[in-house]
């Protein structure tokens, strides 16, 4: 399939990042926002991201202007998707909203147009429930920030066709990202299942009084977190020796947290509206300077890996 025109639904962090990414790769992009304010916010975020790339000499000012010129904003879904070869949806994580939107898109778009959701955990089968062409509906879960993190999880629904899987996989590769294909859907996909399993055990260690929050984070940041960009958990076990990991599993698995409920520490924070950086307080205290420094440091590391990945290709 010759994809030239991409429609993105949503102007938030994921939406504007995907629109920018597609435009950088030469695609014509339509970006949907529900209001002038949301579109302005999306375009301003894209321009700020591109300004950073100009300052770092990744692109020049003319390239930045050309990238922005490839993106058009629309305030209705119908206008936004009518000429699309592929649609990437990045709207609210609400299954009822998504089902309504996909039913509308399914009625407007030709049958060969791929409809992909960036949901981080909702079922693609459920998303496609009220459509007549569920075979062209798939999850393409971009990780945030999408312009910096390579991973995109490709997740089929029960009726997603193998052709749809192949097309979206090749498209993600053309964006310069790393598609990870699942054989079938499950709650949370791969990344969030692993991420939440780690978070559960991290909070459990704090709950038991074995270590303070800062020390738990440092154990990851300065320990196995340094290895993970090179070797994932299964490859790390191979390198360390499966006999050793098996022996550790025999005594440690029984002692690991197996709670089916969210951590009470996290529950208390949410009930107090201490939500992290969005409320300036969570497990840590956050002010604007700390937030900016932390994000900048994270982005510097992510950009380092992008450059290293390019050298490896």
Protein backbone atom coordinates (compact mmCIF):
# COMPACT_ATOMS: atom_id res chain seq x y z
CA UNK A 1 0.00 0.00 0.00
CA UNK A 2 1.40 3.39 -1.03
CA UNK A 3 0.81 5.61 2.00
CA UNK A 4 1.14 9.34 1.32
CA UNK A 5 -1.52 10.99 3.49
CA UNK A 6 -1.72 10.42 7.23
CA UNK A 7 -4.56 11.63 9.47
CA UNK A 8 -3.89 12.01 13.21
CA UNK A 9 -6.73 12.43 15.70
CA UNK A 10 -5.62 14.36 18.76
CA UNK A 11 -3.27 17.24 19.54
CA UNK A 12 -2.02 16.12 22.95
CA UNK A 13 1.44 14.78 23.79
CA UNK A 14 1.08 11.62 21.72
CA UNK A 15 -1.03 13.16 18.93
CA UNK A 16 1.17 16.15 18.12
CA UNK A 17 4.30 14.00 18.46
CA UNK A 18 3.03 11.47 15.90
CA UNK A 19 1.95 14.27 13.54
CA UNK A 20 5.44 15.78 13.79
CA UNK A 21 7.10 12.39 13.29
CA UNK A 22 5.06 11.62 10.14
CA UNK A 23 5.69 15.09 8.69
CA UNK A 24 9.43 14.73 9.35
CA UNK A 25 9.37 11.54 7.27
CA UNK A 26 7.78 13.37 4.33
CA UNK A 27 4.11 12.43 4.76
CA UNK A 28 1.24 14.90 4.31
CA UNK A 29 -0.46 15.10 7.70
CA UNK A 30 -3.93 16.19 8.82
CA UNK A 31 -4.21 16.79 12.57
CA UNK A 32 -7.61 16.86 14.26
CA UNK A 33 -8.35 19.04 17.27
CA UNK A 34 -11.76 19.85 18.71
CA UNK A 35 -11.10 23.60 18.90
CA UNK A 36 -8.82 26.36 17.69
CA UNK A 37 -7.19 26.33 21.11
CA UNK A 38 -6.34 22.62 20.93
CA UNK A 39 -4.96 22.98 17.40
CA UNK A 40 -2.88 25.99 18.43
CA UNK A 41 -1.54 24.01 21.37
CA UNK A 42 -0.62 21.12 19.09
CA UNK A 43 1.14 23.29 16.51
CA UNK A 44 2.99 25.26 19.20
CA UNK A 45 4.26 22.00 20.74
CA UNK A 46 5.44 20.79 17.33
CA UNK A 47 7.24 24.09 16.66
CA UNK A 48 8.92 23.96 20.08
CA UNK A 49 10.08 20.38 19.43
CA UNK A 50 11.47 21.37 16.03
CA UNK A 51 13.19 24.41 17.52
CA UNK A 52 15.07 22.05 19.84
CA UNK A 53 16.15 19.99 16.83
CA UNK A 54 17.34 23.15 15.06
CA UNK A 55 19.30 24.25 18.14
CA UNK A 56 20.95 20.82 18.26
CA UNK A 57 21.73 21.05 14.53
CA UNK A 58 19.71 17.90 13.76
CA UNK A 59 17.74 19.92 11.18
CA UNK A 60 17.98 23.50 9.92
CA UNK A 61 15.36 26.25 10.04
CA UNK A 62 14.22 25.67 6.46
CA UNK A 63 13.62 21.99 7.18
CA UNK A 64 11.64 22.91 10.30
CA UNK A 65 9.40 25.24 8.29
CA UNK A 66 8.93 22.59 5.60
CA UNK A 67 7.90 20.01 8.22
CA UNK A 68 5.28 22.35 9.70
CA UNK A 69 3.99 23.16 6.20
CA UNK A 70 3.12 19.48 5.69
CA UNK A 71 0.69 19.54 8.63
CA UNK A 72 -2.86 20.91 8.33
CA UNK A 73 -5.31 21.33 11.18
CA UNK A 74 -9.00 20.39 11.12
CA UNK A 75 -11.81 20.66 13.66
CA UNK A 76 -14.05 17.90 12.28
CA UNK A 77 -13.16 14.23 11.98
CA UNK A 78 -14.80 13.96 8.56
CA UNK A 79 -12.61 16.70 7.03
CA UNK A 80 -9.54 15.36 8.77
CA UNK A 81 -9.75 11.78 7.48
CA UNK A 82 -11.45 12.09 4.09
CA UNK A 83 -8.23 11.81 2.03
CA UNK A 84 -6.25 9.64 4.45
CA UNK A 85 -4.43 6.44 3.51
CA UNK A 86 -3.98 5.67 7.21
CA UNK A 87 -5.55 7.14 10.37
CA UNK A 88 -3.76 7.19 13.72
CA UNK A 89 -6.14 7.90 16.59
CA UNK A 90 -4.81 9.45 19.80
CA UNK A 91 -7.93 10.67 21.60
CA UNK A 92 -9.24 10.05 25.14
CA UNK A 93 -8.70 6.61 26.71
CA UNK A 94 -12.45 6.01 26.94
CA UNK A 95 -13.81 2.92 25.18
CA UNK A 96 -17.23 4.49 24.56
CA UNK A 97 -15.70 7.54 22.88
CA UNK A 98 -13.37 5.38 20.80
CA UNK A 99 -16.17 3.06 19.67
CA UNK A 100 -18.25 6.02 18.53
CA UNK A 101 -15.30 7.54 16.63
CA UNK A 102 -14.33 4.26 14.96
CA UNK A 103 -17.91 3.62 13.86
CA UNK A 104 -17.89 7.09 12.24
CA UNK A 105 -14.50 6.57 10.60
CA UNK A 106 -15.48 3.12 9.35
CA UNK A 107 -18.44 4.65 7.54
CA UNK A 108 -16.39 7.50 5.98
CA UNK A 109 -13.10 5.83 4.96
CA UNK A 110 -12.60 3.43 2.06
CA UNK A 111 -12.20 -0.18 3.16
CA UNK A 112 -8.47 -0.22 2.40
CA UNK A 113 -7.71 2.63 4.85
CA UNK A 114 -6.00 1.39 8.03
CA UNK A 115 -7.48 2.68 11.30
CA UNK A 116 -4.90 2.48 14.08
CA UNK A 117 -5.34 3.35 17.76
CA UNK A 118 -2.53 4.51 20.04
CA UNK A 119 -4.36 3.19 23.12
CA UNK A 120 -2.01 2.01 25.85
CA UNK A 121 -4.20 -0.88 26.93
CA UNK A 122 -7.76 -0.93 25.57
CA UNK A 123 -8.80 -3.95 23.53
CA UNK A 124 -8.65 -3.50 19.73
CA UNK A 125 -11.48 -6.03 19.49
CA UNK A 126 -13.65 -3.83 21.72
CA UNK A 127 -12.64 -0.68 19.82
CA UNK A 128 -13.80 -2.29 16.55
CA UNK A 129 -17.01 -3.68 18.06
CA UNK A 130 -19.47 -1.46 16.16
CA UNK A 131 -17.63 -1.34 12.83
CA UNK A 132 -18.40 -3.23 9.61
CA UNK A 133 -14.73 -3.61 8.67
CA UNK A 134 -12.92 -4.70 11.85
CA UNK A 135 -10.21 -6.40 9.80
CA UNK A 136 -8.56 -3.00 9.12
CA UNK A 137 -8.53 -1.89 12.78
CA UNK A 138 -5.35 -2.38 14.82
CA UNK A 139 -3.46 -0.92 17.78
CA UNK A 140 -0.22 0.95 17.13
CA UNK A 141 0.81 1.95 20.64
CA UNK A 142 3.47 4.67 20.37
CA UNK A 143 5.40 5.21 23.57
CA UNK A 144 5.71 8.72 24.94
CA UNK A 145 7.35 10.91 23.75
CA UNK A 146 6.77 9.31 20.31
CA UNK A 147 9.35 11.44 18.52
CA UNK A 148 12.07 10.16 20.89
CA UNK A 149 11.15 6.59 21.95
CA UNK A 150 11.51 3.95 19.20
CA UNK A 151 9.00 1.39 20.50
CA UNK A 152 5.58 0.96 18.87
CA UNK A 153 3.52 -2.04 19.98
CA UNK A 154 1.45 -3.54 17.15
CA UNK A 155 -1.58 -5.38 18.56
CA UNK A 156 -4.24 -7.21 16.53
CA UNK A 157 -7.87 -7.58 17.48
CA UNK A 158 -9.71 -10.85 16.99
CA UNK A 159 -10.64 -9.90 13.41
CA UNK A 160 -7.59 -7.85 12.39
CA UNK A 161 -6.23 -9.20 9.09
CA UNK A 162 -2.65 -10.31 8.55
CA UNK A 163 -2.51 -7.79 5.69
CA UNK A 164 -3.34 -4.96 8.11
CA UNK A 165 -0.61 -6.18 10.47
CA UNK A 166 1.93 -6.26 7.63
CA UNK A 167 0.99 -2.79 6.35
CA UNK A 168 1.11 -1.08 9.75
CA UNK A 169 4.40 -2.83 10.59
CA UNK A 170 6.06 -1.58 7.39
CA UNK A 171 4.63 1.91 7.96
CA UNK A 172 6.07 2.05 11.49
CA UNK A 173 9.44 0.95 10.12
CA UNK A 174 9.32 3.75 7.53
CA UNK A 175 8.80 6.19 10.39
CA UNK A 176 12.13 4.98 11.77
CA UNK A 177 10.49 3.28 14.75
CA UNK A 178 10.78 -0.29 16.07
CA UNK A 179 7.52 -2.23 15.68
CA UNK A 180 6.95 -5.02 18.22
CA UNK A 181 4.23 -7.36 16.95
CA UNK A 182 2.00 -9.24 19.38
CA UNK A 183 0.46 -12.54 18.30
CA UNK A 184 -2.80 -11.68 20.04
CA UNK A 185 -4.13 -9.01 22.37
CA UNK A 186 -3.94 -8.97 26.16
CA UNK A 187 -4.61 -6.29 28.76
CA UNK A 188 -1.76 -3.77 28.91
CA UNK A 189 0.06 -5.38 25.97
CA UNK A 190 3.77 -6.07 26.63
CA UNK A 191 5.25 -2.81 27.88
CA UNK A 192 2.66 -1.80 30.43
CA UNK A 193 2.43 -5.33 31.88
CA UNK A 194 6.17 -5.26 32.51
CA UNK A 195 6.15 -1.63 33.67
CA UNK A 196 3.30 -2.16 36.15
CA UNK A 197 4.79 -5.41 37.46
CA UNK A 198 7.98 -3.48 38.27
CA UNK A 199 6.01 -0.63 39.87
CA UNK A 200 4.02 -3.07 42.01
CA UNK A 201 7.18 -4.66 43.43
CA UNK A 202 8.88 -1.26 43.87
CA UNK A 203 6.00 0.07 45.96
CA UNK A 204 5.78 -3.22 47.88
CA UNK A 205 9.42 -2.84 48.96
CA UNK A 206 8.56 0.64 50.28
CA UNK A 207 5.36 -0.59 51.97
CA UNK A 208 7.30 -3.31 53.81
CA UNK A 209 9.76 -0.71 55.09
CA UNK A 210 12.71 -2.43 53.41
CA UNK A 211 13.90 0.74 51.66
CA UNK A 212 12.89 4.33 51.05
CA UNK A 213 11.39 5.51 47.75
CA UNK A 214 14.53 7.30 46.58
CA UNK A 215 16.69 4.23 47.19
CA UNK A 216 14.36 1.96 45.23
CA UNK A 217 14.47 4.32 42.26
CA UNK A 218 18.27 4.53 42.45
CA UNK A 219 18.53 0.73 42.44
CA UNK A 220 16.88 0.74 39.01
CA UNK A 221 18.50 3.91 37.63
CA UNK A 222 22.06 2.87 38.56
CA UNK A 223 21.63 -0.91 38.41
CA UNK A 224 19.79 -3.11 35.95
CA UNK A 225 18.27 -0.03 34.30
CA UNK A 226 21.72 0.60 32.78
CA UNK A 227 21.65 -2.86 31.17
CA UNK A 228 18.08 -2.82 29.87
CA UNK A 229 18.76 -0.61 26.80
CA UNK A 230 21.11 -3.36 25.59
CA UNK A 231 19.55 -6.55 26.94
CA UNK A 232 15.89 -7.05 27.88
CA UNK A 233 14.93 -9.26 30.84
CA UNK A 234 14.94 -12.56 28.95
CA UNK A 235 18.22 -11.88 27.13
CA UNK A 236 19.71 -10.71 30.46
CA UNK A 237 18.76 -14.07 31.99
CA UNK A 238 20.49 -15.87 29.12
CA UNK A 239 23.62 -13.80 29.63
CA UNK A 240 23.62 -14.26 33.41
CA UNK A 241 22.96 -17.99 33.24
CA UNK A 242 19.52 -19.59 33.29
CA UNK A 243 20.61 -21.95 36.06
CA UNK A 244 21.38 -18.96 38.30
CA UNK A 245 18.11 -17.20 37.50
CA UNK A 246 16.22 -20.46 38.02
CA UNK A 247 17.80 -20.98 41.43
CA UNK A 248 16.94 -17.40 42.47
CA UNK A 249 13.38 -17.89 41.19
CA UNK A 250 12.92 -20.96 43.38
CA UNK A 251 13.27 -18.99 46.61
CA UNK A 252 12.37 -15.44 45.52
CA UNK A 253 9.15 -15.90 43.54
CA UNK A 254 7.31 -17.03 46.66
CA UNK A 255 8.28 -13.80 48.43
CA UNK A 256 7.43 -11.35 45.62
CA UNK A 257 4.32 -9.19 45.80
CA UNK A 258 1.32 -10.91 44.19
CA UNK A 259 -1.38 -8.42 45.22
CA UNK A 260 -4.40 -8.15 42.90
CA UNK A 261 -5.13 -4.65 44.20
CA UNK A 262 -3.22 -1.41 43.47
CA UNK A 263 -0.73 -0.33 46.13
CA UNK A 264 -2.34 1.42 49.10
CA UNK A 265 0.48 3.98 48.94
CA UNK A 266 -0.59 4.94 45.42
CA UNK A 267 -4.28 4.85 46.42
CA UNK A 268 -3.61 7.33 49.24
CA UNK A 269 -1.80 9.68 46.89
CA UNK A 270 -4.60 9.61 44.32
CA UNK A 271 -7.25 10.23 47.01
CA UNK A 272 -5.28 13.31 48.14
CA UNK A 273 -5.01 14.47 44.50
CA UNK A 274 -1.23 14.13 44.78
CA UNK A 275 -0.82 12.91 41.20
CA UNK A 276 2.82 13.63 40.46
CA UNK A 277 3.99 16.44 38.19
CA UNK A 278 0.45 17.35 37.09
CA UNK A 279 -0.33 18.44 40.69
CA UNK A 280 3.29 19.30 41.64
CA UNK A 281 3.26 16.59 44.31
CA UNK A 282 3.27 12.79 44.26
CA UNK A 283 5.83 10.52 45.85
CA UNK A 284 8.21 13.41 45.16
CA UNK A 285 7.83 17.18 45.44
CA UNK A 286 7.86 18.90 42.02
CA UNK A 287 8.30 22.52 41.01
CA UNK A 288 8.68 23.91 37.49
CA UNK A 289 12.49 23.92 37.61
CA UNK A 290 12.70 20.30 38.78
CA UNK A 291 10.15 19.19 36.17
CA UNK A 292 12.06 20.94 33.38
CA UNK A 293 15.44 19.59 34.51
CA UNK A 294 14.12 16.04 34.81
CA UNK A 295 12.43 16.11 31.40
CA UNK A 296 15.50 17.66 29.78
CA UNK A 297 17.79 15.04 31.29
CA UNK A 298 15.47 12.24 30.19
CA UNK A 299 15.28 13.69 26.67
CA UNK A 300 19.07 14.00 26.49
CA UNK A 301 19.41 10.29 27.27
CA UNK A 302 16.71 9.38 24.75
CA UNK A 303 18.41 11.50 22.07
CA UNK A 304 21.71 9.76 22.84
CA UNK A 305 20.13 6.40 22.17
CA UNK A 306 18.53 7.67 18.96
CA UNK A 307 21.97 8.68 17.70
CA UNK A 308 23.46 5.35 18.78
CA UNK A 309 20.64 3.42 17.08
CA UNK A 310 21.32 5.30 13.83
CA UNK A 311 25.01 4.35 14.02
CA UNK A 312 24.07 0.69 14.51
CA UNK A 313 21.80 0.63 11.45
